[in-house]
Amino acid sequence: MVYVGIPLWIGSFTNHSIEEISKLLLDNKIDLVELSIDYPWPQKQEELLKKAISSFTNDFKIAIHAPWRDLPLASPYDSVRRAVVNELLEIIDNIYEVYGEIEYIVFHPLTMQRIELFDNRRDAINALRNSLIEIATKLPEKTYLLIENLTRGFGSEISNLVEALDTIEQNNVGLCLDIGHLASRYIREIAESNIYSDFYDYLKDVLGIIEKTLVPVIHIHDVDDKGREHLIIGDGSLSFKTIYKLVRVLKPKYIVYEMFRSRKTKININEIAKIIGGQKSWVKVYLV
């Protein structure tokens, strides 16, 4: 079975109650909630976070998107990296006190360093690997620990992430493949090279690179011809039927729709949930 999910963050609850959101997700047959722990969570509004987690556990699987702003998990400055790991572990521990059945946790593999200089790439990969190992030793083995490919910098290059993951012995550590991030990077940085005939040709190459990597989660969102991402499906230029057919080889367990914006109109969670509900039928056709 493939579970279909929606990301929620603290801003999702400014105009809707937890009960209203829960009903909306149930009405659209959404299986999973990926809670994004953006600041001020969990340092502030902690009761709202605890209530959300406790309420959603009755009807949905729960996953976590770890905070990433100001938290460079791949920093080659070891004291900085260890401080980031400790902060993340403290946040995760607070969540496990509320609910212990977390499906997966997604992290951003960030560093602001110029990785093309000297041995910086190697140092960043080693730093990321060390961070993942340190976090993984503190997490239950049944929870996936995943790094997500980004749109820019060190974390946007799939080979960097695969290299960091390759020698990690824990079998619950892997990759969250973000298709929109991949497409945005292709449009902005790769397309003009003419190495690939189109994005789907590039995606096939990426799938070959990660064929031996654990990839239980795929993030989906549309991207337009200028590389603007996290658009609702239909606002960009991606063919999702083609994408579903290609990523089937990964046998993903979760598909999460990270749609936050529209080029045409202001959107709300009601519209997003309906779009996700509509996509679920296509997931059943192509991925199950």
C-alpha atoms as a PDB file:
ATOM      1  CA  MET A   1       0.000   0.000   0.000  1.00  0.00           C
ATOM      2  CA  VAL A   2       1.094   3.573  -0.727  1.00  0.00           C
ATOM      3  CA  TYR A   3       0.000   6.166   1.835  1.00  0.00           C
ATOM      4  CA  VAL A   4      -0.900   9.638   0.560  1.00  0.00           C
ATOM      5  CA  GLY A   5      -0.007  12.573   2.788  1.00  0.00           C
ATOM      6  CA  ILE A   6      -0.229  16.311   3.317  1.00  0.00           C
ATOM      7  CA  PRO A   7       2.267  18.616   5.072  1.00  0.00           C
ATOM      8  CA  LEU A   8       0.987  20.841   7.864  1.00  0.00           C
ATOM      9  CA  TRP A   9       2.827  23.513   9.844  1.00  0.00           C
ATOM     10  CA  ILE A  10       1.982  25.926  12.632  1.00  0.00           C
ATOM     11  CA  GLY A  11       0.489  28.383  10.112  1.00  0.00           C
ATOM     12  CA  SER A  12      -2.043  25.754   9.034  1.00  0.00           C
ATOM     13  CA  PHE A  13      -3.873  26.286  12.328  1.00  0.00           C
ATOM     14  CA  THR A  14      -4.217  30.071  12.204  1.00  0.00           C
ATOM     15  CA  ASN A  15      -7.539  30.018  10.326  1.00  0.00           C
ATOM     16  CA  HIS A  16      -8.721  26.470  11.018  1.00  0.00           C
ATOM     17  CA  SER A  17      -9.126  24.439  14.167  1.00  0.00           C
ATOM     18  CA  ILE A  18      -7.457  21.048  14.509  1.00  0.00           C
ATOM     19  CA  GLU A  19     -10.908  19.453  14.366  1.00  0.00           C
ATOM     20  CA  GLU A  20     -11.789  21.264  11.114  1.00  0.00           C
ATOM     21  CA  ILE A  21      -8.540  20.208   9.477  1.00  0.00           C
ATOM     22  CA  SER A  22      -8.951  16.616  10.644  1.00  0.00           C
ATOM     23  CA  LYS A  23     -12.430  16.411   9.106  1.00  0.00           C
ATOM     24  CA  LEU A  24     -11.199  17.962   5.867  1.00  0.00           C
ATOM     25  CA  LEU A  25      -8.418  15.394   5.545  1.00  0.00           C
ATOM     26  CA  LEU A  26     -10.731  12.513   6.342  1.00  0.00           C
ATOM     27  CA  ASP A  27     -13.273  13.731   3.779  1.00  0.00           C
ATOM     28  CA  ASN A  28     -10.531  13.636   1.125  1.00  0.00           C
ATOM     29  CA  LYS A  29      -9.227  10.231   2.233  1.00  0.00           C
ATOM     30  CA  ILE A  30      -5.751  11.492   3.157  1.00  0.00           C
ATOM     31  CA  ASP A  31      -3.730   8.883   5.057  1.00  0.00           C
ATOM     32  CA  LEU A  32      -0.790  10.739   6.574  1.00  0.00           C
ATOM     33  CA  VAL A  33       0.080  14.083   8.136  1.00  0.00           C
ATOM     34  CA  GLU A  34       3.673  15.310   7.806  1.00  0.00           C
ATOM     35  CA  LEU A  35       4.061  17.923  10.532  1.00  0.00           C
ATOM     36  CA  SER A  36       6.670  20.545   9.753  1.00  0.00           C
ATOM     37  CA  ILE A  37       8.320  21.644  12.972  1.00  0.00           C
ATOM     38  CA  ASP A  38       9.094  25.219  11.929  1.00  0.00           C
ATOM     39  CA  TYR A  39      10.026  27.760  14.585  1.00  0.00           C
ATOM     40  CA  PRO A  40       8.398  28.764  16.917  1.00  0.00           C
ATOM     41  CA  TRP A  41       7.566  25.068  17.320  1.00  0.00           C
ATOM     42  CA  PRO A  42       8.396  23.453  19.672  1.00  0.00           C
ATOM     43  CA  GLN A  43       9.944  26.216  21.799  1.00  0.00           C
ATOM     44  CA  LYS A  44       6.674  28.176  21.681  1.00  0.00           C
ATOM     45  CA  GLN A  45       3.060  27.144  21.062  1.00  0.00           C
ATOM     46  CA  GLU A  46       4.048  23.746  22.432  1.00  0.00           C
ATOM     47  CA  GLU A  47       0.525  22.944  23.594  1.00  0.00           C
ATOM     48  CA  LEU A  48      -0.817  23.446  20.056  1.00  0.00           C
ATOM     49  CA  LEU A  49       1.800  21.028  18.717  1.00  0.00           C
ATOM     50  CA  LYS A  50       0.981  18.415  21.373  1.00  0.00           C
ATOM     51  CA  LYS A  51      -2.743  18.774  20.736  1.00  0.00           C
ATOM     52  CA  ALA A  52      -2.278  18.457  16.968  1.00  0.00           C
ATOM     53  CA  ILE A  53      -0.176  15.312  17.292  1.00  0.00           C
ATOM     54  CA  SER A  54      -2.507  13.742  19.840  1.00  0.00           C
ATOM     55  CA  SER A  55      -5.606  14.532  17.767  1.00  0.00           C
ATOM     56  CA  PHE A  56      -4.244  13.343  14.422  1.00  0.00           C
ATOM     57  CA  THR A  57      -2.997  10.017  15.768  1.00  0.00           C
ATOM     58  CA  ASN A  58      -6.585   8.778  15.964  1.00  0.00           C
ATOM     59  CA  ASP A  59      -7.102   8.863  12.193  1.00  0.00           C
ATOM     60  CA  PHE A  60      -3.774   9.413  10.425  1.00  0.00           C
ATOM     61  CA  LYS A  61      -0.241   8.177  10.281  1.00  0.00           C
ATOM     62  CA  ILE A  62       2.180  10.809  11.615  1.00  0.00           C
ATOM     63  CA  ALA A  63       5.502  11.891  10.116  1.00  0.00           C
ATOM     64  CA  ILE A  64       7.786  14.787  10.963  1.00  0.00           C
ATOM     65  CA  HIS A  65       9.656  17.302   8.831  1.00  0.00           C
ATOM     66  CA  ALA A  66      12.465  18.452  11.090  1.00  0.00           C
ATOM     67  CA  PRO A  67      13.273  22.173  11.337  1.00  0.00           C
ATOM     68  CA  TRP A  68      16.002  23.325   8.961  1.00  0.00           C
ATOM     69  CA  ARG A  69      16.337  27.118   9.029  1.00  0.00           C
ATOM     70  CA  ASP A  70      19.573  28.089  10.867  1.00  0.00           C
ATOM     71  CA  LEU A  71      20.395  24.371  11.311  1.00  0.00           C
ATOM     72  CA  PRO A  72      23.202  23.280   8.930  1.00  0.00           C
ATOM     73  CA  LEU A  73      23.334  19.530   9.427  1.00  0.00           C
ATOM     74  CA  ALA A  74      26.256  19.187   6.971  1.00  0.00           C
ATOM     75  CA  SER A  75      28.430  21.974   8.354  1.00  0.00           C
ATOM     76  CA  PRO A  76      32.135  21.061   8.291  1.00  0.00           C
ATOM     77  CA  TYR A  77      32.560  23.074  11.505  1.00  0.00           C
ATOM     78  CA  ASP A  78      32.260  20.142  13.870  1.00  0.00           C
ATOM     79  CA  SER A  79      31.233  22.168  16.909  1.00  0.00           C
ATOM     80  CA  VAL A  80      28.428  23.770  14.867  1.00  0.00           C
ATOM     81  CA  ARG A  81      27.351  20.414  13.435  1.00  0.00           C
ATOM     82  CA  ARG A  82      27.220  18.779  16.857  1.00  0.00           C
ATOM     83  CA  ALA A  83      25.212  21.700  18.260  1.00  0.00           C
ATOM     84  CA  VAL A  84      22.708  21.262  15.396  1.00  0.00           C
ATOM     85  CA  VAL A  85      22.450  17.516  16.055  1.00  0.00           C
ATOM     86  CA  ASN A  86      21.857  18.131  19.764  1.00  0.00           C
ATOM     87  CA  GLU A  87      19.167  20.732  19.053  1.00  0.00           C
ATOM     88  CA  LEU A  88      17.380  18.424  16.621  1.00  0.00           C
ATOM     89  CA  LEU A  89      17.541  15.494  19.021  1.00  0.00           C
ATOM     90  CA  GLU A  90      16.047  17.611  21.796  1.00  0.00           C
ATOM     91  CA  ILE A  91      13.180  18.646  19.513  1.00  0.00           C
ATOM     92  CA  ILE A  92      12.584  15.053  18.387  1.00  0.00           C
ATOM     93  CA  ASP A  93      12.634  13.794  21.980  1.00  0.00           C
ATOM     94  CA  ASN A  94       9.875  16.277  22.854  1.00  0.00           C
ATOM     95  CA  ILE A  95       7.751  14.900  20.020  1.00  0.00           C
ATOM     96  CA  TYR A  96       8.325  11.278  21.036  1.00  0.00           C
ATOM     97  CA  GLU A  97       7.109  12.132  24.527  1.00  0.00           C
ATOM     98  CA  VAL A  98       3.736  12.907  22.939  1.00  0.00           C
ATOM     99  CA  TYR A  99       3.630  10.084  20.389  1.00  0.00           C
ATOM    100  CA  GLY A 100       6.088   7.276  19.746  1.00  0.00           C
ATOM    101  CA  GLU A 101       4.839   5.871  16.438  1.00  0.00           C
ATOM    102  CA  ILE A 102       6.443   8.335  14.022  1.00  0.00           C
ATOM    103  CA  GLU A 103       6.595   6.891  10.490  1.00  0.00           C
ATOM    104  CA  TYR A 104       9.593   8.932   9.338  1.00  0.00           C
ATOM    105  CA  ILE A 105      11.538  12.132   9.977  1.00  0.00           C
ATOM    106  CA  VAL A 106      12.845  14.268   7.098  1.00  0.00           C
ATOM    107  CA  PHE A 107      15.948  16.452   7.431  1.00  0.00           C
ATOM    108  CA  HIS A 108      17.498  19.039   5.109  1.00  0.00           C
ATOM    109  CA  PRO A 109      21.195  18.309   4.358  1.00  0.00           C
ATOM    110  CA  LEU A 110      22.333  21.925   4.626  1.00  0.00           C
ATOM    111  CA  THR A 111      25.670  23.684   4.568  1.00  0.00           C
ATOM    112  CA  MET A 112      26.428  27.175   3.309  1.00  0.00           C
ATOM    113  CA  GLN A 113      30.002  26.294   2.326  1.00  0.00           C
ATOM    114  CA  ARG A 114      31.467  26.595  -1.195  1.00  0.00           C
ATOM    115  CA  ILE A 115      31.797  22.880  -1.789  1.00  0.00           C
ATOM    116  CA  GLU A 116      33.745  23.220  -5.059  1.00  0.00           C
ATOM    117  CA  LEU A 117      36.800  24.538  -3.194  1.00  0.00           C
ATOM    118  CA  PHE A 118      39.641  22.311  -1.931  1.00  0.00           C
ATOM    119  CA  ASP A 119      38.252  19.321   0.027  1.00  0.00           C
ATOM    120  CA  ASN A 120      35.029  21.098   1.033  1.00  0.00           C
ATOM    121  CA  ARG A 121      32.764  18.607  -0.722  1.00  0.00           C
ATOM    122  CA  ARG A 122      34.381  15.676   1.032  1.00  0.00           C
ATOM    123  CA  ASP A 123      34.226  17.488   4.392  1.00  0.00           C
ATOM    124  CA  ALA A 124      30.520  18.291   3.944  1.00  0.00           C
ATOM    125  CA  ILE A 125      29.703  14.690   2.998  1.00  0.00           C
ATOM    126  CA  ASN A 126      31.579  13.396   6.044  1.00  0.00           C
ATOM    127  CA  ALA A 127      29.839  15.941   8.273  1.00  0.00           C
ATOM    128  CA  LEU A 128      26.418  14.927   6.960  1.00  0.00           C
ATOM    129  CA  ARG A 129      27.209  11.238   7.385  1.00  0.00           C
ATOM    130  CA  ASN A 130      28.350  11.795  10.986  1.00  0.00           C
ATOM    131  CA  SER A 131      25.205  13.788  11.781  1.00  0.00           C
ATOM    132  CA  LEU A 132      22.940  11.089  10.386  1.00  0.00           C
ATOM    133  CA  ILE A 133      24.713   8.332  12.295  1.00  0.00           C
ATOM    134  CA  GLU A 134      24.529  10.289  15.557  1.00  0.00           C
ATOM    135  CA  ILE A 135      20.819  10.976  15.102  1.00  0.00           C
ATOM    136  CA  ALA A 136      20.038   7.436  13.941  1.00  0.00           C
ATOM    137  CA  THR A 137      21.553   5.908  17.069  1.00  0.00           C
ATOM    138  CA  LYS A 138      19.035   7.866  19.149  1.00  0.00           C
ATOM    139  CA  LEU A 139      15.922   7.019  17.104  1.00  0.00           C
ATOM    140  CA  PRO A 140      13.784   3.872  17.123  1.00  0.00           C
ATOM    141  CA  GLU A 141      14.742   1.577  14.242  1.00  0.00           C
ATOM    142  CA  LYS A 142      11.130   1.486  13.031  1.00  0.00           C
ATOM    143  CA  THR A 143      11.262   5.223  12.230  1.00  0.00           C
ATOM    144  CA  TYR A 144      12.827   6.139   8.887  1.00  0.00           C
ATOM    145  CA  LEU A 145      15.485   8.839   9.069  1.00  0.00           C
ATOM    146  CA  LEU A 146      15.616  10.585   5.691  1.00  0.00           C
ATOM    147  CA  ILE A 147      17.498  13.411   4.020  1.00  0.00           C
ATOM    148  CA  GLU A 148      15.703  15.392   1.331  1.00  0.00           C
ATOM    149  CA  ASN A 149      17.273  16.610  -1.894  1.00  0.00           C
ATOM    150  CA  LEU A 150      17.139  20.414  -2.102  1.00  0.00           C
ATOM    151  CA  THR A 151      16.911  22.911  -4.966  1.00  0.00           C
ATOM    152  CA  ARG A 152      20.274  24.605  -4.485  1.00  0.00           C
ATOM    153  CA  GLY A 153      23.730  24.023  -3.103  1.00  0.00           C
ATOM    154  CA  PHE A 154      25.304  20.927  -1.599  1.00  0.00           C
ATOM    155  CA  GLY A 155      21.989  19.242  -0.839  1.00  0.00           C
ATOM    156  CA  SER A 156      20.698  19.570  -4.407  1.00  0.00           C
ATOM    157  CA  GLU A 157      23.290  17.196  -5.862  1.00  0.00           C
ATOM    158  CA  ILE A 158      21.956  13.659  -5.529  1.00  0.00           C
ATOM    159  CA  SER A 159      25.420  12.096  -5.725  1.00  0.00           C
ATOM    160  CA  ASN A 160      26.475  14.004  -2.581  1.00  0.00           C
ATOM    161  CA  LEU A 161      23.542  12.561  -0.647  1.00  0.00           C
ATOM    162  CA  VAL A 162      24.006   9.015  -1.944  1.00  0.00           C
ATOM    163  CA  GLU A 163      27.697   9.137  -1.057  1.00  0.00           C
ATOM    164  CA  ALA A 164      26.869  10.256   2.485  1.00  0.00           C
ATOM    165  CA  LEU A 165      24.324   7.440   2.848  1.00  0.00           C
ATOM    166  CA  ASP A 166      26.361   4.653   1.246  1.00  0.00           C
ATOM    167  CA  THR A 167      28.450   3.660   4.245  1.00  0.00           C
ATOM    168  CA  ILE A 168      25.811   4.126   6.946  1.00  0.00           C
ATOM    169  CA  GLU A 169      25.027   0.749   8.490  1.00  0.00           C
ATOM    170  CA  GLN A 170      21.617   1.594   9.982  1.00  0.00           C
ATOM    171  CA  ASN A 171      18.974   0.214   7.615  1.00  0.00           C
ATOM    172  CA  ASN A 172      16.368   2.863   8.482  1.00  0.00           C
ATOM    173  CA  VAL A 173      18.434   5.749   7.039  1.00  0.00           C
ATOM    174  CA  GLY A 174      17.716   6.867   3.495  1.00  0.00           C
ATOM    175  CA  LEU A 175      16.447   9.496   1.071  1.00  0.00           C
ATOM    176  CA  CYS A 176      13.255  11.481   0.676  1.00  0.00           C
ATOM    177  CA  LEU A 177      13.117  12.178  -3.063  1.00  0.00           C
ATOM    178  CA  ASP A 178      11.590  15.593  -3.740  1.00  0.00           C
ATOM    179  CA  ILE A 179      10.486  15.611  -7.376  1.00  0.00           C
ATOM    180  CA  GLY A 180       9.726  19.347  -7.415  1.00  0.00           C
ATOM    181  CA  HIS A 181      13.153  20.235  -6.020  1.00  0.00           C
ATOM    182  CA  LEU A 182      14.707  17.972  -8.623  1.00  0.00           C
ATOM    183  CA  ALA A 183      12.751  19.635 -11.438  1.00  0.00           C
ATOM    184  CA  SER A 184      13.521  23.140 -10.207  1.00  0.00           C
ATOM    185  CA  ARG A 185      17.236  22.417 -10.140  1.00  0.00           C
ATOM    186  CA  TYR A 186      17.065  20.839 -13.596  1.00  0.00           C
ATOM    187  CA  ILE A 187      15.316  23.891 -15.077  1.00  0.00           C
ATOM    188  CA  ARG A 188      17.656  26.443 -13.484  1.00  0.00           C
ATOM    189  CA  GLU A 189      21.020  24.680 -13.636  1.00  0.00           C
ATOM    190  CA  ILE A 190      21.002  21.656 -15.945  1.00  0.00           C
ATOM    191  CA  ALA A 191      18.588  22.062 -18.875  1.00  0.00           C
ATOM    192  CA  GLU A 192      20.783  24.487 -20.851  1.00  0.00           C
ATOM    193  CA  SER A 193      23.657  21.996 -20.885  1.00  0.00           C
ATOM    194  CA  ASN A 194      21.648  19.775 -23.282  1.00  0.00           C
ATOM    195  CA  ILE A 195      23.010  16.688 -21.554  1.00  0.00           C
ATOM    196  CA  TYR A 196      19.434  15.437 -21.199  1.00  0.00           C
ATOM    197  CA  SER A 197      16.570  15.601 -23.675  1.00  0.00           C
ATOM    198  CA  ASP A 198      14.142  16.767 -20.972  1.00  0.00           C
ATOM    199  CA  PHE A 199      13.463  16.578 -17.245  1.00  0.00           C
ATOM    200  CA  TYR A 200      12.164  13.003 -17.468  1.00  0.00           C
ATOM    201  CA  ASP A 201      15.412  11.900 -19.081  1.00  0.00           C
ATOM    202  CA  TYR A 202      17.240  13.519 -16.148  1.00  0.00           C
ATOM    203  CA  LEU A 203      14.863  11.830 -13.685  1.00  0.00           C
ATOM    204  CA  LYS A 204      15.669   8.440 -15.207  1.00  0.00           C
ATOM    205  CA  ASP A 205      19.369   9.130 -14.603  1.00  0.00           C
ATOM    206  CA  VAL A 206      18.687  10.098 -10.977  1.00  0.00           C
ATOM    207  CA  LEU A 207      16.626   6.939 -10.445  1.00  0.00           C
ATOM    208  CA  GLY A 208      19.600   4.934 -11.680  1.00  0.00           C
ATOM    209  CA  ILE A 209      21.887   6.690  -9.180  1.00  0.00           C
ATOM    210  CA  ILE A 210      19.584   5.960  -6.230  1.00  0.00           C
ATOM    211  CA  GLU A 211      18.479   2.457  -7.266  1.00  0.00           C
ATOM    212  CA  LYS A 212      20.235   0.874  -4.266  1.00  0.00           C
ATOM    213  CA  THR A 213      19.235   3.633  -1.836  1.00  0.00           C
ATOM    214  CA  LEU A 214      16.329   3.387   0.590  1.00  0.00           C
ATOM    215  CA  VAL A 215      13.656   5.804  -0.723  1.00  0.00           C
ATOM    216  CA  PRO A 216      10.394   5.270   1.179  1.00  0.00           C
ATOM    217  CA  VAL A 217       9.076   8.836   0.729  1.00  0.00           C
ATOM    218  CA  ILE A 218       8.490  11.002  -2.343  1.00  0.00           C
ATOM    219  CA  HIS A 219       7.533  14.677  -2.143  1.00  0.00           C
ATOM    220  CA  ILE A 220       5.378  15.919  -5.021  1.00  0.00           C
ATOM    221  CA  HIS A 221       4.611  19.474  -6.193  1.00  0.00           C
ATOM    222  CA  ASP A 222       4.424  21.253  -9.517  1.00  0.00           C
ATOM    223  CA  VAL A 223       7.140  23.490 -10.982  1.00  0.00           C
ATOM    224  CA  ASP A 224       6.775  26.052 -13.763  1.00  0.00           C
ATOM    225  CA  ASP A 225       9.122  26.778 -16.664  1.00  0.00           C
ATOM    226  CA  LYS A 226      11.110  29.265 -14.561  1.00  0.00           C
ATOM    227  CA  GLY A 227      11.759  26.764 -11.796  1.00  0.00           C
ATOM    228  CA  ARG A 228       9.240  28.166  -9.328  1.00  0.00           C
ATOM    229  CA  GLU A 229       8.331  25.282  -7.051  1.00  0.00           C
ATOM    230  CA  HIS A 230       5.741  24.072  -4.543  1.00  0.00           C
ATOM    231  CA  LEU A 231       2.930  24.985  -6.941  1.00  0.00           C
ATOM    232  CA  ILE A 232      -0.380  23.171  -6.918  1.00  0.00           C
ATOM    233  CA  ILE A 233      -0.641  20.443  -9.521  1.00  0.00           C
ATOM    234  CA  GLY A 234      -1.701  21.946 -12.823  1.00  0.00           C
ATOM    235  CA  ASP A 235      -0.046  25.331 -12.222  1.00  0.00           C
ATOM    236  CA  GLY A 236       3.310  24.156 -13.525  1.00  0.00           C
ATOM    237  CA  SER A 237       4.640  22.148 -16.429  1.00  0.00           C
ATOM    238  CA  LEU A 238       5.249  18.691 -14.968  1.00  0.00           C
ATOM    239  CA  SER A 239       3.511  15.547 -16.230  1.00  0.00           C
ATOM    240  CA  PHE A 240       2.640  13.617 -13.106  1.00  0.00           C
ATOM    241  CA  LYS A 241       1.428  10.535 -14.924  1.00  0.00           C
ATOM    242  CA  THR A 242       4.893  10.283 -16.450  1.00  0.00           C
ATOM    243  CA  ILE A 243       6.502  10.875 -13.067  1.00  0.00           C
ATOM    244  CA  TYR A 244       4.354   8.244 -11.332  1.00  0.00           C
ATOM    245  CA  LYS A 245       5.263   5.682 -13.990  1.00  0.00           C
ATOM    246  CA  LEU A 246       8.986   6.405 -13.598  1.00  0.00           C
ATOM    247  CA  VAL A 247       9.214   6.478  -9.789  1.00  0.00           C
ATOM    248  CA  ARG A 248       7.284   3.232  -9.461  1.00  0.00           C
ATOM    249  CA  VAL A 249      10.631   1.394  -9.568  1.00  0.00           C
ATOM    250  CA  LEU A 250      11.430   2.862  -6.137  1.00  0.00           C
ATOM    251  CA  LYS A 251       8.386   1.172  -4.570  1.00  0.00           C
ATOM    252  CA  PRO A 252       7.720   4.177  -2.302  1.00  0.00           C
ATOM    253  CA  LYS A 253       5.626   3.752   0.817  1.00  0.00           C
ATOM    254  CA  TYR A 254       4.523   7.384   1.160  1.00  0.00           C
ATOM    255  CA  ILE A 255       3.638  10.115  -1.367  1.00  0.00           C
ATOM    256  CA  VAL A 256       3.369  13.575   0.195  1.00  0.00           C
ATOM    257  CA  TYR A 257       2.082  16.595  -1.738  1.00  0.00           C
ATOM    258  CA  GLU A 258       4.063  19.715  -0.760  1.00  0.00           C
ATOM    259  CA  MET A 259       1.854  22.249  -2.542  1.00  0.00           C
ATOM    260  CA  PHE A 260       1.926  25.671  -0.908  1.00  0.00           C
ATOM    261  CA  ARG A 261       1.188  28.219  -3.626  1.00  0.00           C
ATOM    262  CA  SER A 262      -0.506  28.993  -6.937  1.00  0.00           C
ATOM    263  CA  ARG A 263       0.507  31.342  -9.747  1.00  0.00           C
ATOM    264  CA  LYS A 264      -3.130  32.070 -10.558  1.00  0.00           C
ATOM    265  CA  THR A 265      -4.959  32.534  -7.285  1.00  0.00           C
ATOM    266  CA  LYS A 266      -4.609  32.482  -3.520  1.00  0.00           C
ATOM    267  CA  ILE A 267      -5.150  28.915  -2.349  1.00  0.00           C
ATOM    268  CA  ASN A 268      -6.211  27.452   0.961  1.00  0.00           C
ATOM    269  CA  ILE A 269      -5.979  24.108   2.669  1.00  0.00           C
ATOM    270  CA  ASN A 270      -9.459  23.113   1.445  1.00  0.00           C
ATOM    271  CA  GLU A 271      -8.347  23.304  -2.188  1.00  0.00           C
ATOM    272  CA  ILE A 272      -5.045  21.582  -1.479  1.00  0.00           C
ATOM    273  CA  ALA A 273      -6.770  18.685   0.288  1.00  0.00           C
ATOM    274  CA  LYS A 274      -9.205  18.234  -2.606  1.00  0.00           C
ATOM    275  CA  ILE A 275      -6.341  18.145  -5.131  1.00  0.00           C
ATOM    276  CA  ILE A 276      -4.526  15.538  -3.047  1.00  0.00           C
ATOM    277  CA  GLY A 277      -7.703  13.486  -2.769  1.00  0.00           C
ATOM    278  CA  GLY A 278      -8.017  13.583  -6.547  1.00  0.00           C
ATOM    279  CA  GLN A 279      -4.410  12.509  -7.042  1.00  0.00           C
ATOM    280  CA  LYS A 280      -4.901   9.483  -4.806  1.00  0.00           C
ATOM    281  CA  SER A 281      -6.712   7.650  -7.606  1.00  0.00           C
ATOM    282  CA  TRP A 282      -3.725   8.152  -9.913  1.00  0.00           C
ATOM    283  CA  VAL A 283      -1.381   6.881  -7.207  1.00  0.00           C
ATOM    284  CA  LYS A 284      -3.474   3.710  -7.020  1.00  0.00           C
ATOM    285  CA  VAL A 285      -3.301   3.274 -10.792  1.00  0.00           C
ATOM    286  CA  TYR A 286       0.431   3.811 -11.245  1.00  0.00           C
ATOM    287  CA  LEU A 287       2.118   3.081  -7.904  1.00  0.00           C
ATOM    288  CA  VAL A 288       0.166   0.327  -6.180  1.00  0.00           C
END
